[in-house]
C-alpha atoms as a PDB file:
ATOM      1  CA  UNK A   1      24.680  74.097 134.715  1.00  0.00           C
ATOM      2  CA  UNK A   2      23.546  70.984 132.441  1.00  0.00           C
ATOM      3  CA  UNK A   3      25.719  68.015 131.951  1.00  0.00           C
ATOM      4  CA  UNK A   4      25.296  65.521 129.243  1.00  0.00           C
ATOM      5  CA  UNK A   5      26.945  62.423 128.642  1.00  0.00           C
ATOM      6  CA  UNK A   6      26.028  60.475 125.274  1.00  0.00           C
ATOM      7  CA  UNK A   7      25.758  56.837 124.938  1.00  0.00           C
ATOM      8  CA  UNK A   8      28.785  54.607 124.775  1.00  0.00           C
ATOM      9  CA  UNK A   9      28.860  52.206 121.834  1.00  0.00           C
ATOM     10  CA  UNK A  10      27.887  48.936 123.723  1.00  0.00           C
ATOM     11  CA  UNK A  11      25.346  50.861 126.236  1.00  0.00           C
ATOM     12  CA  UNK A  12      22.238  52.550 125.167  1.00  0.00           C
ATOM     13  CA  UNK A  13      22.003  54.930 127.997  1.00  0.00           C
ATOM     14  CA  UNK A  14      22.696  58.728 128.040  1.00  0.00           C
ATOM     15  CA  UNK A  15      22.706  60.918 131.016  1.00  0.00           C
ATOM     16  CA  UNK A  16      21.569  64.356 131.686  1.00  0.00           C
ATOM     17  CA  UNK A  17      22.327  65.912 135.046  1.00  0.00           C
ATOM     18  CA  UNK A  18      21.171  69.498 136.449  1.00  0.00           C
ATOM     19  CA  UNK A  19      21.230  71.583 139.426  1.00  0.00           C
ATOM     20  CA  UNK A  20      17.968  71.598 141.145  1.00  0.00           C
ATOM     21  CA  UNK A  21      15.544  74.073 139.480  1.00  0.00           C
ATOM     22  CA  UNK A  22      12.160  74.311 138.087  1.00  0.00           C
ATOM     23  CA  UNK A  23      13.539  75.571 134.849  1.00  0.00           C
ATOM     24  CA  UNK A  24      13.048  72.482 132.894  1.00  0.00           C
ATOM     25  CA  UNK A  25      12.388  73.201 129.225  1.00  0.00           C
ATOM     26  CA  UNK A  26      15.885  72.678 128.053  1.00  0.00           C
ATOM     27  CA  UNK A  27      16.091  69.432 129.852  1.00  0.00           C
ATOM     28  CA  UNK A  28      12.775  68.164 128.645  1.00  0.00           C
ATOM     29  CA  UNK A  29      13.818  68.956 124.979  1.00  0.00           C
ATOM     30  CA  UNK A  30      16.726  66.761 125.348  1.00  0.00           C
ATOM     31  CA  UNK A  31      14.829  63.992 126.975  1.00  0.00           C
ATOM     32  CA  UNK A  32      12.136  64.137 124.174  1.00  0.00           C
ATOM     33  CA  UNK A  33      14.555  64.539 121.078  1.00  0.00           C
ATOM     34  CA  UNK A  34      13.969  60.932 119.906  1.00  0.00           C
ATOM     35  CA  UNK A  35      10.417  60.558 120.842  1.00  0.00           C
ATOM     36  CA  UNK A  36       7.814  60.406 118.046  1.00  0.00           C
ATOM     37  CA  UNK A  37       6.071  63.902 117.801  1.00  0.00           C
ATOM     38  CA  UNK A  38       2.586  62.371 118.562  1.00  0.00           C
ATOM     39  CA  UNK A  39       3.696  61.089 121.995  1.00  0.00           C
ATOM     40  CA  UNK A  40       5.810  64.257 122.957  1.00  0.00           C
ATOM     41  CA  UNK A  41       2.957  66.323 124.720  1.00  0.00           C
ATOM     42  CA  UNK A  42       1.849  63.392 126.856  1.00  0.00           C
ATOM     43  CA  UNK A  43       5.342  62.112 127.743  1.00  0.00           C
ATOM     44  CA  UNK A  44       6.540  65.688 128.152  1.00  0.00           C
ATOM     45  CA  UNK A  45       3.773  66.263 130.894  1.00  0.00           C
ATOM     46  CA  UNK A  46       4.712  63.024 132.744  1.00  0.00           C
ATOM     47  CA  UNK A  47       8.485  63.780 132.687  1.00  0.00           C
ATOM     48  CA  UNK A  48       8.033  67.323 133.800  1.00  0.00           C
ATOM     49  CA  UNK A  49       6.046  65.931 136.808  1.00  0.00           C
ATOM     50  CA  UNK A  50       8.768  63.549 137.595  1.00  0.00           C
ATOM     51  CA  UNK A  51      11.466  66.119 137.367  1.00  0.00           C
ATOM     52  CA  UNK A  52       9.499  68.720 139.357  1.00  0.00           C
ATOM     53  CA  UNK A  53       9.104  66.149 142.066  1.00  0.00           C
ATOM     54  CA  UNK A  54      12.844  65.299 141.985  1.00  0.00           C
ATOM     55  CA  UNK A  55      14.036  68.893 142.263  1.00  0.00           C
ATOM     56  CA  UNK A  56      11.426  70.362 144.485  1.00  0.00           C
ATOM     57  CA  UNK A  57      10.371  67.773 146.688  1.00  0.00           C
ATOM     58  CA  UNK A  58      13.552  65.589 146.602  1.00  0.00           C
ATOM     59  CA  UNK A  59      16.358  68.196 146.524  1.00  0.00           C
ATOM     60  CA  UNK A  60      14.156  70.980 148.118  1.00  0.00           C
ATOM     61  CA  UNK A  61      15.396  73.250 145.159  1.00  0.00           C
ATOM     62  CA  UNK A  62      18.738  73.183 146.638  1.00  0.00           C
ATOM     63  CA  UNK A  63      21.127  74.385 143.854  1.00  0.00           C
ATOM     64  CA  UNK A  64      24.063  72.484 145.120  1.00  0.00           C
ATOM     65  CA  UNK A  65      22.231  69.187 144.725  1.00  0.00           C
ATOM     66  CA  UNK A  66      21.811  67.415 141.450  1.00  0.00           C
ATOM     67  CA  UNK A  67      19.114  65.714 139.629  1.00  0.00           C
ATOM     68  CA  UNK A  68      20.358  62.952 137.293  1.00  0.00           C
ATOM     69  CA  UNK A  69      18.352  61.427 134.321  1.00  0.00           C
ATOM     70  CA  UNK A  70      19.513  58.286 132.548  1.00  0.00           C
ATOM     71  CA  UNK A  71      17.527  57.629 129.469  1.00  0.00           C
ATOM     72  CA  UNK A  72      17.468  54.983 126.771  1.00  0.00           C
ATOM     73  CA  UNK A  73      15.588  54.243 123.540  1.00  0.00           C
ATOM     74  CA  UNK A  74      15.654  50.597 122.387  1.00  0.00           C
ATOM     75  CA  UNK A  75      13.360  49.639 119.751  1.00  0.00           C
ATOM     76  CA  UNK A  76       9.740  50.789 120.964  1.00  0.00           C
ATOM     77  CA  UNK A  77      10.617  50.938 124.534  1.00  0.00           C
ATOM     78  CA  UNK A  78      11.706  54.504 125.937  1.00  0.00           C
ATOM     79  CA  UNK A  79      13.042  54.351 129.679  1.00  0.00           C
ATOM     80  CA  UNK A  80      14.209  57.099 131.914  1.00  0.00           C
ATOM     81  CA  UNK A  81      15.684  56.787 135.684  1.00  0.00           C
ATOM     82  CA  UNK A  82      15.394  59.904 137.704  1.00  0.00           C
ATOM     83  CA  UNK A  83      17.619  60.230 140.749  1.00  0.00           C
ATOM     84  CA  UNK A  84      17.631  63.018 143.228  1.00  0.00           C
ATOM     85  CA  UNK A  85      20.061  63.609 146.250  1.00  0.00           C
ATOM     86  CA  UNK A  86      17.143  64.077 148.710  1.00  0.00           C
ATOM     87  CA  UNK A  87      16.455  62.017 151.949  1.00  0.00           C
ATOM     88  CA  UNK A  88      13.786  59.970 149.981  1.00  0.00           C
ATOM     89  CA  UNK A  89      10.300  59.050 150.692  1.00  0.00           C
ATOM     90  CA  UNK A  90       7.780  56.181 150.811  1.00  0.00           C
ATOM     91  CA  UNK A  91       5.329  56.254 148.174  1.00  0.00           C
ATOM     92  CA  UNK A  92       2.126  55.509 150.152  1.00  0.00           C
ATOM     93  CA  UNK A  93      -0.521  56.811 147.589  1.00  0.00           C
ATOM     94  CA  UNK A  94      -2.793  54.562 145.479  1.00  0.00           C
ATOM     95  CA  UNK A  95      -4.260  55.784 142.256  1.00  0.00           C
ATOM     96  CA  UNK A  96      -7.985  55.012 141.975  1.00  0.00           C
ATOM     97  CA  UNK A  97      -9.005  53.199 138.754  1.00  0.00           C
ATOM     98  CA  UNK A  98     -11.430  56.042 137.955  1.00  0.00           C
ATOM     99  CA  UNK A  99      -9.546  59.406 137.884  1.00  0.00           C
ATOM    100  CA  UNK A 100     -12.775  61.307 138.939  1.00  0.00           C
ATOM    101  CA  UNK A 101     -12.353  59.518 142.350  1.00  0.00           C
ATOM    102  CA  UNK A 102      -9.686  62.090 142.954  1.00  0.00           C
ATOM    103  CA  UNK A 103     -10.358  64.874 145.429  1.00  0.00           C
ATOM    104  CA  UNK A 104     -10.614  68.276 143.847  1.00  0.00           C
ATOM    105  CA  UNK A 105      -7.657  70.265 143.861  1.00  0.00           C
ATOM    106  CA  UNK A 106      -8.695  72.681 146.649  1.00  0.00           C
ATOM    107  CA  UNK A 107      -8.948  69.739 148.883  1.00  0.00           C
ATOM    108  CA  UNK A 108      -5.997  67.876 148.038  1.00  0.00           C
ATOM    109  CA  UNK A 109      -2.924  67.743 145.569  1.00  0.00           C
ATOM    110  CA  UNK A 110      -1.421  64.871 147.345  1.00  0.00           C
ATOM    111  CA  UNK A 111      -1.292  61.756 144.783  1.00  0.00           C
ATOM    112  CA  UNK A 112      -2.108  63.547 141.746  1.00  0.00           C
ATOM    113  CA  UNK A 113       1.378  63.340 140.293  1.00  0.00           C
ATOM    114  CA  UNK A 114       1.465  59.676 141.104  1.00  0.00           C
ATOM    115  CA  UNK A 115      -1.810  58.888 139.338  1.00  0.00           C
ATOM    116  CA  UNK A 116      -0.706  61.103 136.418  1.00  0.00           C
ATOM    117  CA  UNK A 117       2.653  59.015 136.146  1.00  0.00           C
ATOM    118  CA  UNK A 118       0.736  55.680 136.131  1.00  0.00           C
ATOM    119  CA  UNK A 119      -1.698  56.841 133.546  1.00  0.00           C
ATOM    120  CA  UNK A 120       1.229  58.225 131.028  1.00  0.00           C
ATOM    121  CA  UNK A 121       3.896  55.470 131.424  1.00  0.00           C
ATOM    122  CA  UNK A 122       3.646  51.758 131.222  1.00  0.00           C
ATOM    123  CA  UNK A 123       6.010  51.177 134.236  1.00  0.00           C
ATOM    124  CA  UNK A 124       6.310  53.362 137.241  1.00  0.00           C
ATOM    125  CA  UNK A 125       8.830  52.053 139.918  1.00  0.00           C
ATOM    126  CA  UNK A 126      10.672  53.767 142.725  1.00  0.00           C
ATOM    127  CA  UNK A 127      13.674  52.354 144.624  1.00  0.00           C
ATOM    128  CA  UNK A 128      13.254  51.427 148.332  1.00  0.00           C
ATOM    129  CA  UNK A 129      14.859  54.617 149.496  1.00  0.00           C
ATOM    130  CA  UNK A 130      12.566  56.543 147.263  1.00  0.00           C
ATOM    131  CA  UNK A 131      15.322  58.704 145.673  1.00  0.00           C
ATOM    132  CA  UNK A 132      15.067  57.032 142.183  1.00  0.00           C
ATOM    133  CA  UNK A 133      12.152  56.621 139.912  1.00  0.00           C
ATOM    134  CA  UNK A 134      12.154  54.452 136.777  1.00  0.00           C
ATOM    135  CA  UNK A 135       9.574  55.331 133.963  1.00  0.00           C
ATOM    136  CA  UNK A 136       8.978  53.231 130.832  1.00  0.00           C
ATOM    137  CA  UNK A 137       6.763  53.809 127.902  1.00  0.00           C
ATOM    138  CA  UNK A 138       6.341  51.330 125.039  1.00  0.00           C
ATOM    139  CA  UNK A 139       5.393  53.410 121.893  1.00  0.00           C
ATOM    140  CA  UNK A 140       4.499  51.487 118.535  1.00  0.00           C
ATOM    141  CA  UNK A 141       6.449  53.411 115.823  1.00  0.00           C
ATOM    142  CA  UNK A 142       4.219  54.034 112.805  1.00  0.00           C
ATOM    143  CA  UNK A 143       6.005  52.355 109.763  1.00  0.00           C
ATOM    144  CA  UNK A 144       6.128  53.811 106.420  1.00  0.00           C
ATOM    145  CA  UNK A 145       4.903  51.873 103.529  1.00  0.00           C
ATOM    146  CA  UNK A 146       6.673  52.732 100.310  1.00  0.00           C
ATOM    147  CA  UNK A 147       5.080  52.278  97.164  1.00  0.00           C
END
């Protein structure tokens, strides 16, 4: 089940909640609805990584647990706050400045998602419990010049 709340007049935030699942296409479609087309593939990849982590690693794919996403669009700033009902974690991975320094997939998948998030989004912040992730992306909108 998917639950959606639309923004209140004074507040720019909307909310989508869903039972822990890896079937994320409808959720991603909702979260990307107001994103300019040229940015959608990149942001979709980042949001999918974050949602999979919340459902799979945070909630252990327990269908009785929810993943909640608050999202906002203000001018050129897109923000998402993803919360799971898991026990949390302490992010300890650092991303190398050069992506080629990552270990090959057969040696380690640990940390690849963290690096991906940092490459796609301008801001990536976890709360102290490790159950909430805030992602922000500043996207310059292309202005149409009328002639």
